[in-house]
Protein backbone atom coordinates (compact mmCIF):
# COMPACT_ATOMS: atom_id res chain seq x y z
CA UNK A 1 8.79 -17.04 -5.46
CA UNK A 2 5.95 -15.78 -7.48
CA UNK A 3 3.12 -17.02 -7.26
CA UNK A 4 -0.76 -16.25 -8.52
CA UNK A 5 -3.62 -16.21 -5.78
CA UNK A 6 -7.03 -15.36 -7.80
CA UNK A 7 -10.00 -16.07 -5.52
CA UNK A 8 -12.29 -16.16 -8.94
CA UNK A 9 -15.93 -16.72 -6.82
CA UNK A 10 -16.11 -13.54 -5.01
CA UNK A 11 -18.94 -11.84 -6.64
CA UNK A 12 -19.47 -8.05 -7.21
CA UNK A 13 -21.59 -5.97 -7.72
CA UNK A 14 -20.43 -3.26 -9.91
CA UNK A 15 -18.56 -4.00 -13.00
CA UNK A 16 -14.55 -3.44 -13.35
CA UNK A 17 -13.02 -1.46 -15.98
CA UNK A 18 -10.98 -4.78 -17.86
CA UNK A 19 -7.67 -4.51 -19.59
CA UNK A 20 -8.17 -7.62 -21.27
CA UNK A 21 -9.75 -7.32 -25.50
CA UNK A 22 -13.69 -7.74 -25.77
CA UNK A 23 -12.95 -10.60 -28.12
CA UNK A 24 -11.05 -12.57 -25.79
CA UNK A 25 -13.28 -12.07 -23.14
CA UNK A 26 -15.37 -15.23 -23.91
CA UNK A 27 -15.39 -17.40 -21.30
CA UNK A 28 -16.36 -21.07 -21.71
CA UNK A 29 -18.76 -23.08 -20.17
CA UNK A 30 -16.21 -25.24 -18.57
CA UNK A 31 -14.97 -22.06 -16.71
CA UNK A 32 -18.92 -21.89 -15.41
CA UNK A 33 -19.53 -24.81 -14.95
CA UNK A 34 -16.09 -25.33 -12.60
CA UNK A 35 -17.14 -22.28 -10.68
CA UNK A 36 -20.87 -23.31 -10.16
CA UNK A 37 -19.07 -27.02 -9.10
CA UNK A 38 -17.16 -24.82 -6.21
CA UNK A 39 -20.06 -23.09 -4.78
CA UNK A 40 -21.64 -26.51 -4.54
CA UNK A 41 -18.79 -27.48 -2.47
CA UNK A 42 -20.24 -25.84 0.75
CA UNK A 43 -23.55 -27.96 0.38
CA UNK A 44 -22.02 -31.34 0.19
CA UNK A 45 -21.09 -33.96 2.06
CA UNK A 46 -17.83 -34.19 -0.54
CA UNK A 47 -14.64 -34.98 1.61
CA UNK A 48 -12.12 -34.26 -1.48
CA UNK A 49 -13.14 -31.95 -4.30
CA UNK A 50 -12.77 -33.47 -7.35
CA UNK A 51 -9.91 -32.12 -9.60
CA UNK A 52 -11.61 -32.98 -13.06
CA UNK A 53 -14.77 -30.56 -12.11
CA UNK A 54 -12.17 -27.82 -11.82
CA UNK A 55 -9.30 -28.18 -14.42
CA UNK A 56 -11.33 -25.83 -17.00
CA UNK A 57 -11.63 -23.57 -13.80
CA UNK A 58 -7.71 -23.74 -13.35
CA UNK A 59 -6.76 -23.74 -16.53
CA UNK A 60 -8.52 -20.64 -17.18
CA UNK A 61 -6.99 -18.65 -14.02
CA UNK A 62 -3.15 -19.62 -14.97
CA UNK A 63 -3.89 -18.24 -18.82
CA UNK A 64 -5.17 -14.96 -17.86
CA UNK A 65 -2.73 -12.19 -18.39
CA UNK A 66 -1.90 -10.33 -14.86
CA UNK A 67 -4.01 -7.17 -14.06
CA UNK A 68 -6.54 -8.25 -16.33
CA UNK A 69 -10.21 -7.94 -15.46
CA UNK A 70 -13.12 -9.76 -16.49
CA UNK A 71 -16.45 -8.93 -16.48
CA UNK A 72 -18.28 -12.60 -15.76
CA UNK A 73 -21.87 -13.51 -16.13
CA UNK A 74 -24.80 -12.67 -14.15
CA UNK A 75 -25.58 -15.54 -11.27
CA UNK A 76 -28.66 -14.86 -8.99
CA UNK A 77 -28.74 -11.31 -10.19
CA UNK A 78 -25.09 -10.41 -9.24
CA UNK A 79 -22.63 -9.39 -11.37
CA UNK A 80 -19.37 -11.31 -11.44
CA UNK A 81 -15.81 -10.21 -12.08
CA UNK A 82 -12.55 -12.21 -12.56
CA UNK A 83 -9.14 -9.64 -11.33
CA UNK A 84 -5.73 -11.33 -12.24
CA UNK A 85 -2.67 -10.54 -9.97
CA UNK A 86 0.52 -11.74 -8.33
CA UNK A 87 1.54 -11.43 -4.90
CA UNK A 88 5.15 -11.92 -4.20
CA UNK A 89 5.91 -14.48 -1.41
CA UNK A 90 5.33 -18.02 -0.75
CA UNK A 91 2.15 -19.74 -0.78
CA UNK A 92 1.94 -21.59 2.29
CA UNK A 93 3.16 -18.31 4.17
CA UNK A 94 -0.20 -15.93 2.46
CA UNK A 95 -2.54 -19.41 3.26
CA UNK A 96 -1.22 -18.96 7.03
CA UNK A 97 -2.13 -14.78 6.77
CA UNK A 98 -5.42 -15.00 4.88
CA UNK A 99 -6.93 -18.06 6.76
CA UNK A 100 -5.36 -18.41 10.66
CA UNK A 101 -7.78 -18.08 12.89
CA UNK A 102 -5.11 -16.43 15.10
CA UNK A 103 -3.96 -13.79 12.90
CA UNK A 104 -6.84 -11.04 12.41
CA UNK A 105 -8.62 -10.76 8.71
CA UNK A 106 -7.49 -6.99 8.46
CA UNK A 107 -3.90 -7.96 8.30
CA UNK A 108 -4.57 -9.48 4.73
CA UNK A 109 -7.40 -7.13 3.83
CA UNK A 110 -6.62 -3.74 5.49
CA UNK A 111 -8.74 -1.77 2.79
CA UNK A 112 -12.25 -3.77 3.09
CA UNK A 113 -12.53 -6.23 5.79
CA UNK A 114 -13.07 -4.70 9.53
CA UNK A 115 -13.74 -8.37 11.37
CA UNK A 116 -14.13 -11.69 10.40
CA UNK A 117 -14.99 -14.52 13.18
CA UNK A 118 -15.41 -18.73 12.01
CA UNK A 119 -18.57 -19.91 13.53
CA UNK A 120 -17.12 -22.92 13.48
CA UNK A 121 -14.48 -23.67 15.48
CA UNK A 122 -13.67 -27.21 15.54
CA UNK A 123 -12.01 -25.87 12.14
CA UNK A 124 -9.56 -23.81 13.94
CA UNK A 125 -6.87 -26.33 14.25
CA UNK A 126 -7.85 -27.95 10.41
CA UNK A 127 -7.15 -24.07 9.32
CA UNK A 128 -3.47 -23.79 11.48
CA UNK A 129 -2.05 -26.74 9.72
CA UNK A 130 -3.32 -25.65 6.33
CA UNK A 131 -0.12 -24.24 5.39
CA UNK A 132 1.86 -27.11 6.31
CA UNK A 133 -0.20 -29.77 4.32
CA UNK A 134 0.45 -26.90 0.83
CA UNK A 135 4.31 -27.75 1.55
CA UNK A 136 4.00 -31.61 0.95
CA UNK A 137 0.58 -31.59 -1.03
CA UNK A 138 0.45 -34.71 -2.63
CA UNK A 139 -3.83 -34.75 -2.19
CA UNK A 140 -6.33 -32.43 -1.89
CA UNK A 141 -7.61 -30.71 1.22
CA UNK A 142 -11.15 -29.01 1.64
CA UNK A 143 -12.41 -27.49 4.35
CA UNK A 144 -15.92 -25.82 4.65
CA UNK A 145 -17.54 -23.85 8.13
CA UNK A 146 -19.55 -20.31 8.39
CA UNK A 147 -18.24 -17.05 9.28
CA UNK A 148 -18.97 -13.80 10.08
CA UNK A 149 -18.15 -10.61 8.30
CA UNK A 150 -17.85 -7.35 8.44
CA UNK A 151 -16.88 -4.81 6.61
CA UNK A 152 -15.10 -1.46 6.97
CA UNK A 153 -17.36 2.02 6.48
CA UNK A 154 -18.44 3.18 2.92
CA UNK A 155 -16.43 6.38 2.18
CA UNK A 156 -19.53 7.96 0.36
CA UNK A 157 -21.91 6.58 2.94
CA UNK A 158 -20.71 5.49 6.57
CA UNK A 159 -22.38 2.74 6.11
CA UNK A 160 -21.06 -0.58 7.15
CA UNK A 161 -22.72 -4.17 6.97
CA UNK A 162 -22.13 -7.41 8.77
CA UNK A 163 -23.32 -10.50 7.02
CA UNK A 164 -22.77 -14.22 7.46
CA UNK A 165 -21.51 -16.91 4.96
CA UNK A 166 -20.33 -20.23 4.02
CA UNK A 167 -17.15 -20.48 3.46
CA UNK A 168 -15.19 -23.12 1.05
CA UNK A 169 -11.49 -23.77 0.92
CA UNK A 170 -9.47 -26.23 -0.54
CA UNK A 171 -6.00 -26.55 -1.79
CA UNK A 172 -5.13 -29.78 -4.27
CA UNK A 173 -2.18 -30.06 -6.49
CA UNK A 174 -2.31 -28.01 -9.74
CA UNK A 175 -0.37 -28.74 -12.87
CA UNK A 176 2.21 -26.10 -12.03
CA UNK A 177 2.17 -26.35 -8.38
CA UNK A 178 -0.49 -26.41 -5.33
CA UNK A 179 -3.83 -24.46 -6.00
CA UNK A 180 -5.61 -22.29 -3.34
CA UNK A 181 -9.65 -22.11 -4.15
CA UNK A 182 -11.84 -20.02 -1.79
CA UNK A 183 -15.38 -19.33 -2.12
CA UNK A 184 -18.16 -17.64 0.18
CA UNK A 185 -22.15 -17.51 -0.19
CA UNK A 186 -23.76 -15.11 2.33
CA UNK A 187 -26.68 -16.54 3.54
């Protein structure tokens, strides 16, 4: 089964060459308000995400052709980018590999992350159970915690960085199946 996985809230510091036409690149305010809502989830006490607040974002992600990239509006002086891609496989397996605290991060991100550690160990059991919840998703699941990441050395300078960030992982029912949204905000 082919699933589309989009991590729409990753902010990058450079522009990406895009294969999507300039005239088609207009992104509605509903998408940006959905992104802001996702970012806000790390700072609230909400126990479930509001699907209405995310519907425009989810619809947007599902409508973009594979292998397309789009430059997003700047946020906090950082350039945003969106890249649509598909992964062959099962969503539950992807979530298990990407978020299981027992599996090293470089298994799913071998070219960019060297190390990752959840600083909120009380989430470990919830993260291990998240793939099971996806298979029978009827309701939203929201996890938030703090993590430390270290990137691999830059090939030009040899420098690498270690930073802490707030992470939100949510899985909710979508129009064509479960939706995974993962967002981080560096501290």
